[in-house]
Amino acid sequence: MLSEITDSIKKFNTLSDDALGYEEGEILGFAYFVKGKIHLVNTSFEQPYIRIGNQYYDSTPKTKADYRAGLAALIRKGYAEKWDRGIFMLTKKGWDKAQSIVEDIKKNHCKAQ
């Protein structure tokens, strides 16, 4: 298991949730549409990466690290929790924030058209 994810689980709900990073918001937004599941895909030959539904964050080593850090921050903020091996789920707080993000995007997108 990744040390940053493990550390985040130990420090659950320890960061201010005022501002979300880009990766954090994207993870929450996509997780909203796939029953709250966030997968940490751990391969034998490459760095682990985040997969949410059919979204694979594995294009470059930096992308992999950015989204793993985003998941770690979401865990520390109490938006996600470990569910099973390599699977993380949104918490109640995570669902509420994800819904807010999705509604905000819909509102702003419809306004622009």
N, C-alpha and C. Protein backbone atom coordinates (compact mmCIF):
# COMPACT_ATOMS: atom_id res chain seq x y z
N MET A 1 0.85 -1.18 0.00
CA MET A 1 0.00 0.00 0.00
C MET A 1 0.89 1.23 0.00
N LEU A 2 0.42 2.28 -0.60
CA LEU A 2 1.20 3.50 -0.69
C LEU A 2 1.31 4.17 0.67
N SER A 3 2.48 4.67 0.97
CA SER A 3 2.69 5.30 2.27
C SER A 3 1.83 6.55 2.43
N GLU A 4 1.65 7.33 1.35
CA GLU A 4 0.85 8.56 1.48
C GLU A 4 -0.62 8.23 1.77
N ILE A 5 -1.13 7.16 1.19
CA ILE A 5 -2.51 6.75 1.46
C ILE A 5 -2.62 6.22 2.88
N THR A 6 -1.67 5.39 3.29
CA THR A 6 -1.67 4.84 4.64
C THR A 6 -1.60 5.95 5.68
N ASP A 7 -0.72 6.90 5.46
CA ASP A 7 -0.62 8.04 6.39
C ASP A 7 -1.92 8.82 6.45
N SER A 8 -2.58 8.97 5.31
CA SER A 8 -3.84 9.71 5.27
C SER A 8 -4.92 9.01 6.08
N ILE A 9 -4.95 7.70 6.00
CA ILE A 9 -5.93 6.94 6.76
C ILE A 9 -5.70 7.16 8.26
N LYS A 10 -4.45 7.18 8.67
CA LYS A 10 -4.13 7.41 10.07
C LYS A 10 -4.52 8.83 10.51
N LYS A 11 -4.43 9.78 9.57
CA LYS A 11 -4.71 11.19 9.88
C LYS A 11 -6.10 11.61 9.43
N PHE A 12 -7.01 10.66 9.28
CA PHE A 12 -8.37 10.90 8.79
C PHE A 12 -8.97 12.16 9.40
N ASN A 13 -9.54 12.99 8.52
CA ASN A 13 -10.27 14.21 8.91
C ASN A 13 -9.38 15.20 9.66
N THR A 14 -8.17 15.40 9.17
CA THR A 14 -7.24 16.31 9.86
C THR A 14 -6.92 17.56 9.06
N LEU A 15 -7.40 17.69 7.83
CA LEU A 15 -7.13 18.88 7.03
C LEU A 15 -8.38 19.73 6.93
N SER A 16 -8.18 21.03 6.81
CA SER A 16 -9.29 21.93 6.54
C SER A 16 -9.87 21.58 5.18
N ASP A 17 -11.19 21.57 5.08
CA ASP A 17 -11.81 21.21 3.82
C ASP A 17 -12.29 22.43 3.03
N ASP A 18 -11.80 23.61 3.40
CA ASP A 18 -12.26 24.84 2.75
C ASP A 18 -11.99 24.84 1.26
N ALA A 19 -10.78 24.57 0.85
CA ALA A 19 -10.42 24.62 -0.56
C ALA A 19 -10.01 23.24 -1.04
N LEU A 20 -10.53 22.89 -2.19
CA LEU A 20 -10.14 21.61 -2.81
C LEU A 20 -9.16 21.88 -3.93
N GLY A 21 -8.17 21.01 -4.07
CA GLY A 21 -7.28 21.06 -5.21
C GLY A 21 -8.01 20.54 -6.44
N TYR A 22 -7.47 20.81 -7.61
CA TYR A 22 -8.09 20.38 -8.86
C TYR A 22 -8.35 18.88 -8.87
N GLU A 23 -7.34 18.10 -8.52
CA GLU A 23 -7.47 16.65 -8.53
C GLU A 23 -8.52 16.17 -7.53
N GLU A 24 -8.57 16.80 -6.37
CA GLU A 24 -9.57 16.43 -5.36
C GLU A 24 -10.99 16.64 -5.90
N GLY A 25 -11.23 17.79 -6.50
CA GLY A 25 -12.54 18.07 -7.05
C GLY A 25 -12.92 17.12 -8.17
N GLU A 26 -11.96 16.81 -9.01
CA GLU A 26 -12.22 15.89 -10.12
C GLU A 26 -12.53 14.48 -9.60
N ILE A 27 -11.77 14.04 -8.62
CA ILE A 27 -12.03 12.72 -8.02
C ILE A 27 -13.44 12.67 -7.44
N LEU A 28 -13.81 13.68 -6.67
CA LEU A 28 -15.15 13.71 -6.08
C LEU A 28 -16.23 13.74 -7.15
N GLY A 29 -16.04 14.59 -8.16
CA GLY A 29 -17.03 14.72 -9.21
C GLY A 29 -17.27 13.42 -9.97
N PHE A 30 -16.20 12.74 -10.34
CA PHE A 30 -16.36 11.48 -11.07
C PHE A 30 -16.87 10.37 -10.15
N ALA A 31 -16.42 10.36 -8.90
CA ALA A 31 -16.88 9.31 -7.98
C ALA A 31 -18.38 9.40 -7.75
N TYR A 32 -18.94 10.59 -7.83
CA TYR A 32 -20.37 10.79 -7.66
C TYR A 32 -21.18 9.93 -8.64
N PHE A 33 -20.64 9.75 -9.84
CA PHE A 33 -21.37 9.03 -10.89
C PHE A 33 -21.09 7.53 -10.93
N VAL A 34 -20.21 7.04 -10.06
CA VAL A 34 -19.89 5.60 -10.06
C VAL A 34 -20.05 5.01 -8.66
N LYS A 35 -21.13 5.39 -8.01
CA LYS A 35 -21.49 4.84 -6.71
C LYS A 35 -20.44 5.12 -5.63
N GLY A 36 -19.66 6.18 -5.80
CA GLY A 36 -18.69 6.60 -4.80
C GLY A 36 -17.41 5.80 -4.74
N LYS A 37 -17.18 4.93 -5.73
CA LYS A 37 -15.99 4.06 -5.70
C LYS A 37 -14.78 4.72 -6.35
N ILE A 38 -13.67 4.65 -5.66
CA ILE A 38 -12.39 5.14 -6.15
C ILE A 38 -11.42 3.97 -6.03
N HIS A 39 -10.81 3.59 -7.12
CA HIS A 39 -9.89 2.45 -7.12
C HIS A 39 -8.44 2.91 -7.16
N LEU A 40 -7.63 2.33 -6.32
CA LEU A 40 -6.20 2.51 -6.38
C LEU A 40 -5.66 1.25 -7.05
N VAL A 41 -5.24 1.39 -8.30
CA VAL A 41 -4.77 0.26 -9.09
C VAL A 41 -3.28 0.10 -8.86
N ASN A 42 -2.90 -1.01 -8.28
CA ASN A 42 -1.51 -1.26 -7.95
C ASN A 42 -0.98 -2.35 -8.86
N THR A 43 -0.08 -1.97 -9.76
CA THR A 43 0.50 -2.94 -10.69
C THR A 43 1.89 -3.33 -10.21
N SER A 44 2.35 -4.45 -10.67
CA SER A 44 3.67 -4.94 -10.27
C SER A 44 4.79 -4.18 -10.96
N PHE A 45 4.51 -3.62 -12.13
CA PHE A 45 5.58 -3.07 -12.95
C PHE A 45 5.63 -1.55 -13.00
N GLU A 46 4.59 -0.89 -12.55
CA GLU A 46 4.54 0.57 -12.63
C GLU A 46 4.00 1.15 -11.33
N GLN A 47 4.04 2.49 -11.26
CA GLN A 47 3.50 3.18 -10.10
C GLN A 47 1.99 2.97 -10.03
N PRO A 48 1.43 2.87 -8.84
CA PRO A 48 -0.02 2.78 -8.70
C PRO A 48 -0.70 4.04 -9.25
N TYR A 49 -1.94 3.87 -9.68
CA TYR A 49 -2.69 5.00 -10.20
C TYR A 49 -4.15 4.91 -9.76
N ILE A 50 -4.85 6.02 -9.92
CA ILE A 50 -6.25 6.11 -9.54
C ILE A 50 -7.13 5.82 -10.76
N ARG A 51 -8.18 5.02 -10.52
CA ARG A 51 -9.19 4.77 -11.54
C ARG A 51 -10.56 5.01 -10.91
N ILE A 52 -11.38 5.77 -11.61
CA ILE A 52 -12.74 6.04 -11.15
C ILE A 52 -13.66 5.75 -12.33
N GLY A 53 -14.40 4.65 -12.24
CA GLY A 53 -15.23 4.25 -13.38
C GLY A 53 -14.34 3.99 -14.58
N ASN A 54 -14.61 4.69 -15.69
CA ASN A 54 -13.77 4.52 -16.87
C ASN A 54 -12.74 5.63 -17.03
N GLN A 55 -12.48 6.38 -15.95
CA GLN A 55 -11.46 7.42 -15.94
C GLN A 55 -10.18 6.83 -15.34
N TYR A 56 -9.13 6.79 -16.13
CA TYR A 56 -7.85 6.25 -15.70
C TYR A 56 -6.84 7.39 -15.61
N TYR A 57 -6.31 7.62 -14.42
CA TYR A 57 -5.33 8.68 -14.22
C TYR A 57 -3.93 8.06 -14.21
N ASP A 58 -3.52 7.60 -15.39
CA ASP A 58 -2.26 6.85 -15.50
C ASP A 58 -1.39 7.30 -16.67
N SER A 59 -1.62 8.50 -17.19
CA SER A 59 -0.91 8.93 -18.40
C SER A 59 0.58 9.17 -18.18
N THR A 60 0.95 9.74 -17.05
CA THR A 60 2.36 10.00 -16.76
C THR A 60 2.62 9.73 -15.28
N PRO A 61 3.89 9.55 -14.90
CA PRO A 61 4.19 9.37 -13.48
C PRO A 61 3.73 10.55 -12.64
N LYS A 62 3.80 11.78 -13.17
CA LYS A 62 3.35 12.96 -12.43
C LYS A 62 1.83 12.93 -12.24
N THR A 63 1.10 12.56 -13.28
CA THR A 63 -0.36 12.46 -13.15
C THR A 63 -0.72 11.43 -12.10
N LYS A 64 -0.05 10.30 -12.12
CA LYS A 64 -0.31 9.27 -11.12
C LYS A 64 -0.08 9.82 -9.71
N ALA A 65 1.03 10.52 -9.53
CA ALA A 65 1.36 11.07 -8.21
C ALA A 65 0.36 12.16 -7.80
N ASP A 66 -0.02 13.03 -8.74
CA ASP A 66 -0.97 14.10 -8.44
C ASP A 66 -2.30 13.55 -7.95
N TYR A 67 -2.82 12.53 -8.62
CA TYR A 67 -4.13 11.98 -8.23
C TYR A 67 -4.04 11.11 -6.98
N ARG A 68 -2.92 10.43 -6.76
CA ARG A 68 -2.75 9.72 -5.49
C ARG A 68 -2.73 10.72 -4.35
N ALA A 69 -2.04 11.85 -4.54
CA ALA A 69 -2.01 12.90 -3.52
C ALA A 69 -3.40 13.49 -3.32
N GLY A 70 -4.17 13.63 -4.40
CA GLY A 70 -5.54 14.12 -4.28
C GLY A 70 -6.40 13.18 -3.44
N LEU A 71 -6.26 11.87 -3.68
CA LEU A 71 -7.00 10.90 -2.87
C LEU A 71 -6.55 10.97 -1.41
N ALA A 72 -5.25 11.08 -1.19
CA ALA A 72 -4.74 11.17 0.18
C ALA A 72 -5.33 12.39 0.89
N ALA A 73 -5.41 13.52 0.20
CA ALA A 73 -5.98 14.73 0.81
C ALA A 73 -7.47 14.54 1.11
N LEU A 74 -8.20 13.88 0.19
CA LEU A 74 -9.62 13.64 0.43
C LEU A 74 -9.83 12.76 1.66
N ILE A 75 -8.96 11.80 1.85
CA ILE A 75 -9.06 10.94 3.03
C ILE A 75 -8.80 11.75 4.29
N ARG A 76 -7.74 12.57 4.26
CA ARG A 76 -7.41 13.38 5.44
C ARG A 76 -8.52 14.38 5.76
N LYS A 77 -9.24 14.84 4.74
CA LYS A 77 -10.33 15.80 4.95
C LYS A 77 -11.63 15.12 5.32
N GLY A 78 -11.66 13.80 5.30
CA GLY A 78 -12.86 13.07 5.69
C GLY A 78 -13.86 12.85 4.57
N TYR A 79 -13.46 13.05 3.32
CA TYR A 79 -14.36 12.87 2.18
C TYR A 79 -14.37 11.44 1.65
N ALA A 80 -13.34 10.68 1.94
CA ALA A 80 -13.24 9.30 1.44
C ALA A 80 -12.63 8.44 2.54
N GLU A 81 -12.91 7.14 2.45
CA GLU A 81 -12.35 6.20 3.42
C GLU A 81 -12.04 4.89 2.73
N LYS A 82 -11.12 4.16 3.33
CA LYS A 82 -10.76 2.85 2.78
C LYS A 82 -11.93 1.90 2.97
N TRP A 83 -12.25 1.16 1.94
CA TRP A 83 -13.36 0.23 1.99
C TRP A 83 -12.86 -1.21 1.94
N ASP A 84 -12.04 -1.51 0.97
CA ASP A 84 -11.51 -2.86 0.78
C ASP A 84 -10.15 -2.69 0.11
N ARG A 85 -9.50 -3.80 -0.18
CA ARG A 85 -8.18 -3.72 -0.82
C ARG A 85 -8.24 -2.87 -2.09
N GLY A 86 -7.59 -1.73 -2.08
CA GLY A 86 -7.51 -0.88 -3.25
C GLY A 86 -8.78 -0.14 -3.60
N ILE A 87 -9.80 -0.25 -2.77
CA ILE A 87 -11.06 0.45 -3.04
C ILE A 87 -11.35 1.44 -1.91
N PHE A 88 -11.65 2.65 -2.31
CA PHE A 88 -12.01 3.70 -1.37
C PHE A 88 -13.41 4.17 -1.74
N MET A 89 -14.17 4.58 -0.73
CA MET A 89 -15.55 5.02 -0.94
C MET A 89 -15.73 6.43 -0.38
N LEU A 90 -16.67 7.16 -0.98
CA LEU A 90 -17.01 8.46 -0.43
C LEU A 90 -17.71 8.28 0.91
N THR A 91 -17.43 9.16 1.83
CA THR A 91 -18.14 9.22 3.11
C THR A 91 -19.40 10.07 2.91
N LYS A 92 -20.21 10.21 3.93
CA LYS A 92 -21.38 11.10 3.86
C LYS A 92 -20.92 12.51 3.49
N LYS A 93 -19.88 12.95 4.14
CA LYS A 93 -19.32 14.27 3.86
C LYS A 93 -18.85 14.35 2.40
N GLY A 94 -18.25 13.27 1.91
CA GLY A 94 -17.79 13.21 0.53
C GLY A 94 -18.93 13.25 -0.46
N TRP A 95 -20.01 12.50 -0.16
CA TRP A 95 -21.19 12.52 -1.03
C TRP A 95 -21.78 13.93 -1.10
N ASP A 96 -21.88 14.59 0.05
CA ASP A 96 -22.44 15.93 0.07
C ASP A 96 -21.60 16.90 -0.76
N LYS A 97 -20.28 16.82 -0.61
CA LYS A 97 -19.39 17.71 -1.36
C LYS A 97 -19.43 17.37 -2.85
N ALA A 98 -19.43 16.09 -3.18
CA ALA A 98 -19.49 15.67 -4.59
C ALA A 98 -20.78 16.16 -5.24
N GLN A 99 -21.88 16.04 -4.53
CA GLN A 99 -23.17 16.51 -5.06
C GLN A 99 -23.12 18.02 -5.29
N SER A 100 -22.53 18.73 -4.37
CA SER A 100 -22.40 20.18 -4.50
C SER A 100 -21.56 20.54 -5.74
N ILE A 101 -20.49 19.82 -5.96
CA ILE A 101 -19.63 20.06 -7.13
C ILE A 101 -20.40 19.79 -8.41
N VAL A 102 -21.10 18.67 -8.47
CA VAL A 102 -21.85 18.30 -9.67
C VAL A 102 -22.96 19.32 -9.95
N GLU A 103 -23.68 19.72 -8.92
CA GLU A 103 -24.75 20.71 -9.10
C GLU A 103 -24.19 22.05 -9.55
N ASP A 104 -23.06 22.43 -9.01
CA ASP A 104 -22.42 23.69 -9.40
C ASP A 104 -22.00 23.64 -10.87
N ILE A 105 -21.44 22.54 -11.30
CA ILE A 105 -21.03 22.39 -12.70
C ILE A 105 -22.25 22.45 -13.62
N LYS A 106 -23.32 21.75 -13.25
CA LYS A 106 -24.54 21.77 -14.07
C LYS A 106 -25.11 23.18 -14.16
N LYS A 107 -25.14 23.86 -13.04
CA LYS A 107 -25.69 25.22 -12.98
C LYS A 107 -24.87 26.16 -13.87
N ASN A 108 -23.55 26.12 -13.73
CA ASN A 108 -22.68 27.00 -14.50
C ASN A 108 -22.64 26.62 -15.97
N HIS A 109 -22.72 25.33 -16.27
CA HIS A 109 -22.69 24.88 -17.67
C HIS A 109 -23.97 25.30 -18.38
N CYS A 110 -25.09 25.11 -17.74
CA CYS A 110 -26.38 25.48 -18.35
C CYS A 110 -26.48 26.98 -18.52
N LYS A 111 -25.92 27.73 -17.59
CA LYS A 111 -25.95 29.19 -17.66
C LYS A 111 -25.15 29.69 -18.87
N ALA A 112 -24.05 29.01 -19.18
CA ALA A 112 -23.17 29.43 -20.27
C ALA A 112 -23.78 29.16 -21.65
N GLN A 113 -24.74 28.26 -21.74
CA GLN A 113 -25.29 27.92 -23.05
C GLN A 113 -26.35 28.83 -23.48
